[in-house]
């Protein structure tokens, strides 16, 4: 193709490549999600359906990039960890960040009906997510980053659980905030237990720990082994987690051939993938499978 006289404008473009041999973390954050949650009547302090929708969007991102070692989500954010040696888009920051944000947002909207149709909640306006890419040079740095995000879940969820129970008991938002001002974690646990009979340690793990997404080999429906994105609800701050899942830091690490889904088989992330598998077995092509997911009755 002949060069246009206008093509000189390309020289103004600047391309930043992320440093090699470093973990890349792309973190997605909901923009203006406080209003979005209120407009769509999300339950407080936690809306399980809303969290499952975030997990479905996170699953979509992991399915797209085979160089993601782990995904971690909580509230209105998701972190995607690309391996040190990842070469996706030649490690171009703008390309990677913009595509992950775009894919996550479109997947969130795509799966909305799957989750919220049974509650008759229509999407009132489109959500938006921003994204950033941060480099972590060592395994320890990466672990500390993920530990930081999971610790954030605990702090926020304990506060929110206590706050909204106080509001439900009759306090105004301002009075509940004043009641909790200066309290320690032990104080909040005491309020929950003595006033509301809630043992915080018995709250669902998805609320207290967030959701970890890992690619695992599983056996579903008595069929052959399948690679699947699996939701896991565990303490990733402990060394035991990293011993149990060594492939996160070292993709060549030996692991058990099959990961047992157990009760996680009922999770929407798993059910969605099982449905795709069943449709493909029935002879539907990939595009037909994807298009038919929204038409499925999930009541």
Protein backbone atom coordinates (compact mmCIF):
# COMPACT_ATOMS: atom_id res chain seq x y z
CA UNK A 1 0.00 0.00 0.00
CA UNK A 2 1.35 3.40 -0.95
CA UNK A 3 2.23 5.67 1.93
CA UNK A 4 -0.12 8.56 2.52
CA UNK A 5 1.31 12.03 3.03
CA UNK A 6 -0.58 12.04 6.30
CA UNK A 7 1.18 9.00 7.70
CA UNK A 8 3.84 11.14 9.38
CA UNK A 9 1.42 11.58 12.30
CA UNK A 10 2.33 8.07 13.48
CA UNK A 11 5.61 9.47 14.79
CA UNK A 12 3.67 11.12 17.61
CA UNK A 13 2.58 7.77 18.99
CA UNK A 14 4.53 6.54 22.00
CA UNK A 15 4.69 2.89 22.94
CA UNK A 16 5.58 1.71 26.44
CA UNK A 17 6.62 -1.88 26.93
CA UNK A 18 6.48 -3.45 30.36
CA UNK A 19 9.82 -4.62 31.71
CA UNK A 20 10.67 -8.26 31.03
CA UNK A 21 11.07 -10.93 33.73
CA UNK A 22 8.55 -9.26 36.02
CA UNK A 23 5.09 -10.28 37.11
CA UNK A 24 2.43 -8.12 35.45
CA UNK A 25 -0.67 -7.41 37.50
CA UNK A 26 -3.59 -5.80 35.70
CA UNK A 27 -6.15 -4.65 38.24
CA UNK A 28 -9.71 -3.78 37.23
CA UNK A 29 -11.73 -1.38 39.39
CA UNK A 30 -15.38 -0.45 39.07
CA UNK A 31 -15.90 3.26 38.38
CA UNK A 32 -18.74 4.90 40.27
CA UNK A 33 -19.87 1.53 41.60
CA UNK A 34 -21.43 2.92 44.75
CA UNK A 35 -24.12 4.52 42.59
CA UNK A 36 -24.28 1.51 40.28
CA UNK A 37 -24.98 -0.80 43.24
CA UNK A 38 -27.69 1.48 44.61
CA UNK A 39 -29.43 1.94 41.26
CA UNK A 40 -29.52 -1.83 40.72
CA UNK A 41 -30.63 -2.63 44.28
CA UNK A 42 -27.63 -4.76 45.23
CA UNK A 43 -27.95 -6.27 48.69
CA UNK A 44 -25.81 -4.92 51.53
CA UNK A 45 -23.28 -5.66 52.89
CA UNK A 46 -22.77 -8.30 50.19
CA UNK A 47 -24.72 -9.28 47.11
CA UNK A 48 -23.77 -12.83 46.22
CA UNK A 49 -25.17 -12.56 42.70
CA UNK A 50 -23.14 -9.41 42.03
CA UNK A 51 -19.97 -11.17 43.20
CA UNK A 52 -20.74 -14.18 41.01
CA UNK A 53 -21.20 -11.86 38.03
CA UNK A 54 -17.75 -10.39 38.70
CA UNK A 55 -16.39 -13.95 38.82
CA UNK A 56 -17.95 -14.78 35.45
CA UNK A 57 -16.32 -11.71 33.95
CA UNK A 58 -13.01 -12.70 35.55
CA UNK A 59 -13.39 -16.23 34.16
CA UNK A 60 -13.79 -14.77 30.66
CA UNK A 61 -10.50 -12.90 30.98
CA UNK A 62 -8.64 -16.01 32.17
CA UNK A 63 -10.08 -18.00 29.27
CA UNK A 64 -8.77 -15.41 26.83
CA UNK A 65 -5.19 -15.28 28.16
CA UNK A 66 -3.31 -18.52 28.80
CA UNK A 67 -0.45 -16.53 30.34
CA UNK A 68 -2.48 -15.55 33.41
CA UNK A 69 -1.31 -17.52 36.45
CA UNK A 70 -4.04 -16.44 38.87
CA UNK A 71 -7.01 -14.12 39.11
CA UNK A 72 -8.25 -12.62 42.36
CA UNK A 73 -11.51 -10.74 42.85
CA UNK A 74 -13.35 -8.97 45.62
CA UNK A 75 -16.07 -6.33 45.75
CA UNK A 76 -15.84 -4.35 42.49
CA UNK A 77 -12.23 -5.16 41.65
CA UNK A 78 -10.31 -7.97 39.97
CA UNK A 79 -6.58 -8.60 39.67
CA UNK A 80 -5.07 -10.65 36.85
CA UNK A 81 -1.50 -11.88 37.25
CA UNK A 82 0.44 -12.43 34.03
CA UNK A 83 3.50 -14.63 34.25
CA UNK A 84 7.02 -13.24 34.26
CA UNK A 85 7.68 -14.61 30.80
CA UNK A 86 4.37 -13.43 29.33
CA UNK A 87 4.77 -12.04 25.83
CA UNK A 88 1.16 -11.07 25.14
CA UNK A 89 1.03 -7.99 22.88
CA UNK A 90 4.82 -7.83 23.19
CA UNK A 91 4.12 -6.57 26.75
CA UNK A 92 2.75 -3.27 25.41
CA UNK A 93 1.13 -1.58 28.41
CA UNK A 94 -1.62 0.35 26.61
CA UNK A 95 -2.69 -2.62 24.51
CA UNK A 96 -2.82 -5.02 27.46
CA UNK A 97 -4.57 -2.71 29.91
CA UNK A 98 -7.16 -1.46 27.43
CA UNK A 99 -8.05 -4.93 26.19
CA UNK A 100 -8.37 -6.49 29.65
CA UNK A 101 -10.62 -3.62 30.78
CA UNK A 102 -12.71 -3.84 27.61
CA UNK A 103 -13.06 -7.63 27.78
CA UNK A 104 -13.97 -7.62 31.46
CA UNK A 105 -16.60 -4.93 30.96
CA UNK A 106 -18.19 -6.62 27.96
CA UNK A 107 -18.23 -9.98 29.78
CA UNK A 108 -19.88 -8.34 32.81
CA UNK A 109 -22.64 -7.04 30.57
CA UNK A 110 -22.90 -10.29 28.60
CA UNK A 111 -23.49 -12.42 31.70
CA UNK A 112 -25.83 -9.95 33.43
CA UNK A 113 -29.04 -11.70 32.36
CA UNK A 114 -27.64 -15.06 33.35
CA UNK A 115 -27.33 -13.85 36.94
CA UNK A 116 -30.01 -11.21 37.43
CA UNK A 117 -32.93 -12.31 35.25
CA UNK A 118 -34.33 -14.47 38.05
CA UNK A 119 -34.43 -11.36 40.25
CA UNK A 120 -36.00 -9.34 37.43
CA UNK A 121 -33.23 -6.75 37.66
CA UNK A 122 -32.59 -5.16 34.28
CA UNK A 123 -29.39 -3.25 33.62
CA UNK A 124 -30.32 0.42 33.91
CA UNK A 125 -27.11 1.79 32.47
CA UNK A 126 -23.77 0.27 31.43
CA UNK A 127 -21.04 -0.23 34.03
CA UNK A 128 -17.50 0.97 33.50
CA UNK A 129 -14.18 -0.27 34.82
CA UNK A 130 -10.76 1.33 34.79
CA UNK A 131 -7.52 -0.65 34.81
CA UNK A 132 -3.86 -0.27 35.60
CA UNK A 133 -0.78 -2.43 35.15
CA UNK A 134 1.81 -2.77 37.90
CA UNK A 135 5.06 -4.75 37.76
CA UNK A 136 6.31 -6.91 40.64
CA UNK A 137 9.92 -8.08 40.30
CA UNK A 138 9.95 -10.96 42.79
CA UNK A 139 7.69 -13.81 43.87
CA UNK A 140 7.65 -12.33 47.35
CA UNK A 141 6.45 -8.98 46.00
CA UNK A 142 3.65 -10.72 44.12
CA UNK A 143 2.56 -12.73 47.14
CA UNK A 144 2.57 -9.58 49.26
CA UNK A 145 0.42 -7.80 46.68
CA UNK A 146 -2.20 -10.56 46.70
CA UNK A 147 -2.02 -10.76 50.50
CA UNK A 148 -2.65 -7.02 50.64
CA UNK A 149 -5.76 -7.36 48.51
CA UNK A 150 -7.10 -10.26 50.60
CA UNK A 151 -6.38 -8.44 53.86
CA UNK A 152 -8.36 -5.54 52.40
CA UNK A 153 -11.33 -7.87 51.95
CA UNK A 154 -11.30 -8.82 55.63
CA UNK A 155 -11.03 -5.25 56.90
CA UNK A 156 -13.76 -3.91 54.63
CA UNK A 157 -16.13 -6.85 55.00
CA UNK A 158 -15.94 -6.93 58.78
CA UNK A 159 -16.69 -3.22 58.91
CA UNK A 160 -19.50 -3.38 56.35
CA UNK A 161 -21.11 -6.44 57.93
CA UNK A 162 -21.20 -4.70 61.30
CA UNK A 163 -22.28 -1.36 59.83
CA UNK A 164 -25.22 -2.68 57.84
CA UNK A 165 -26.45 -4.85 60.69
CA UNK A 166 -26.48 -1.76 62.89
CA UNK A 167 -28.44 0.11 60.22
CA UNK A 168 -30.88 -2.79 59.88
CA UNK A 169 -31.41 -2.66 63.64
CA UNK A 170 -32.65 0.92 63.39
CA UNK A 171 -29.59 3.17 63.53
CA UNK A 172 -29.13 5.83 60.89
CA UNK A 173 -26.08 5.61 58.66
CA UNK A 174 -24.48 8.48 60.56
CA UNK A 175 -25.17 6.88 63.96
CA UNK A 176 -23.84 3.50 62.80
CA UNK A 177 -20.68 5.17 61.53
CA UNK A 178 -20.29 7.00 64.84
CA UNK A 179 -20.83 3.74 66.77
CA UNK A 180 -17.98 2.07 64.88
CA UNK A 181 -15.57 4.98 65.00
CA UNK A 182 -12.32 3.92 66.68
CA UNK A 183 -13.37 0.28 67.11
CA UNK A 184 -10.96 -2.61 66.62
CA UNK A 185 -11.67 -5.86 64.81
CA UNK A 186 -12.36 -7.53 68.16
CA UNK A 187 -14.93 -4.84 68.98
CA UNK A 188 -16.77 -5.39 65.72
CA UNK A 189 -16.78 -9.14 66.25
CA UNK A 190 -18.23 -8.57 69.72
CA UNK A 191 -20.99 -6.32 68.36
CA UNK A 192 -21.92 -8.86 65.71
CA UNK A 193 -22.05 -11.72 68.19
CA UNK A 194 -23.68 -10.08 71.19
CA UNK A 195 -26.20 -7.88 69.35
CA UNK A 196 -27.00 -9.97 66.30
CA UNK A 197 -25.90 -13.52 67.12
CA UNK A 198 -23.50 -13.52 64.18
CA UNK A 199 -20.22 -15.39 64.41
CA UNK A 200 -18.15 -13.60 61.78
CA UNK A 201 -15.99 -16.68 61.24
CA UNK A 202 -19.07 -18.50 59.96
CA UNK A 203 -19.77 -15.93 57.25
CA UNK A 204 -19.33 -17.32 53.69
CA UNK A 205 -15.72 -17.49 52.57
CA UNK A 206 -16.47 -15.62 49.36
CA UNK A 207 -17.31 -12.60 51.55
CA UNK A 208 -14.36 -12.96 53.92
CA UNK A 209 -11.65 -14.15 51.52
CA UNK A 210 -12.71 -13.04 48.06
CA UNK A 211 -12.50 -15.32 45.01
CA UNK A 212 -9.38 -16.92 43.57
CA UNK A 213 -9.57 -18.10 39.96
CA UNK A 214 -7.11 -20.76 38.84
CA UNK A 215 -6.79 -22.84 35.67
CA UNK A 216 -7.10 -26.47 36.75
CA UNK A 217 -7.52 -29.87 35.12
CA UNK A 218 -10.80 -31.43 36.22
CA UNK A 219 -13.04 -34.33 35.30
CA UNK A 220 -16.64 -33.31 34.72
CA UNK A 221 -19.70 -35.44 34.14
CA UNK A 222 -17.60 -38.60 34.04
CA UNK A 223 -15.95 -37.36 30.86
CA UNK A 224 -12.30 -37.00 29.96
CA UNK A 225 -10.06 -34.46 31.63
CA UNK A 226 -10.91 -30.84 30.91
CA UNK A 227 -9.03 -27.62 31.52
CA UNK A 228 -11.29 -25.28 33.46
CA UNK A 229 -11.17 -22.00 35.32
CA UNK A 230 -11.97 -22.95 38.92
CA UNK A 231 -13.15 -20.61 41.71
CA UNK A 232 -11.37 -21.20 45.00
CA UNK A 233 -12.12 -19.62 48.37
CA UNK A 234 -9.01 -20.00 50.49
CA UNK A 235 -6.52 -18.06 52.58
CA UNK A 236 -3.81 -17.09 50.10
CA UNK A 237 -1.80 -15.25 52.72
CA UNK A 238 -0.64 -18.54 54.26
CA UNK A 239 2.30 -20.56 52.95
CA UNK A 240 0.01 -23.60 52.77
CA UNK A 241 -1.89 -22.09 49.84
CA UNK A 242 1.25 -21.68 47.75
CA UNK A 243 2.42 -25.18 48.62
CA UNK A 244 -0.96 -26.54 47.55
CA UNK A 245 -0.92 -24.62 44.24
CA UNK A 246 2.77 -24.48 43.22
CA UNK A 247 1.94 -23.96 39.53
CA UNK A 248 1.04 -20.33 40.22
CA UNK A 249 4.65 -19.31 40.75
CA UNK A 250 6.17 -22.07 38.62
CA UNK A 251 4.17 -23.28 35.64
CA UNK A 252 6.46 -26.32 35.37
CA UNK A 253 5.74 -27.42 38.93
CA UNK A 254 4.29 -30.90 39.32
CA UNK A 255 0.74 -30.98 40.62
CA UNK A 256 -1.94 -33.62 41.03
CA UNK A 257 -3.38 -34.64 37.68
CA UNK A 258 -6.94 -33.84 38.66
CA UNK A 259 -8.40 -31.10 40.81
CA UNK A 260 -11.50 -32.14 42.73
CA UNK A 261 -14.25 -29.56 42.29
CA UNK A 262 -16.27 -30.76 45.28
CA UNK A 263 -18.97 -28.29 46.29
CA UNK A 264 -17.51 -25.71 43.89
CA UNK A 265 -19.17 -27.62 41.04
CA UNK A 266 -22.33 -25.63 41.81
CA UNK A 267 -20.58 -22.28 41.38
CA UNK A 268 -21.83 -20.23 38.39
CA UNK A 269 -18.30 -20.04 36.98
CA UNK A 270 -18.14 -23.84 36.84
CA UNK A 271 -21.73 -24.34 35.70
CA UNK A 272 -21.22 -21.94 32.82
CA UNK A 273 -18.20 -23.90 31.58
CA UNK A 274 -20.00 -27.23 32.02
CA UNK A 275 -22.86 -25.95 29.87
CA UNK A 276 -20.41 -24.94 27.15
CA UNK A 277 -18.85 -28.41 27.35
CA UNK A 278 -22.24 -30.12 27.09
CA UNK A 279 -23.28 -28.05 24.09
CA UNK A 280 -20.06 -28.79 22.28
CA UNK A 281 -20.52 -32.49 22.94
CA UNK A 282 -23.98 -32.19 21.44
CA UNK A 283 -22.44 -30.89 18.24
CA UNK A 284 -22.90 -27.14 18.55
CA UNK A 285 -20.04 -25.03 17.30
CA UNK A 286 -18.25 -22.48 19.44
CA UNK A 287 -20.24 -19.44 18.27
CA UNK A 288 -23.56 -21.25 18.70
CA UNK A 289 -22.51 -22.30 22.19
CA UNK A 290 -21.67 -18.76 23.24
CA UNK A 291 -24.83 -17.26 21.77
CA UNK A 292 -27.08 -19.86 23.40
CA UNK A 293 -25.87 -19.23 26.94
CA UNK A 294 -28.11 -16.20 27.38
CA UNK A 295 -31.17 -18.17 26.33
CA UNK A 296 -30.74 -20.81 29.04
CA UNK A 297 -33.22 -20.89 31.92
CA UNK A 298 -31.23 -20.63 35.16
CA UNK A 299 -34.10 -20.34 37.60
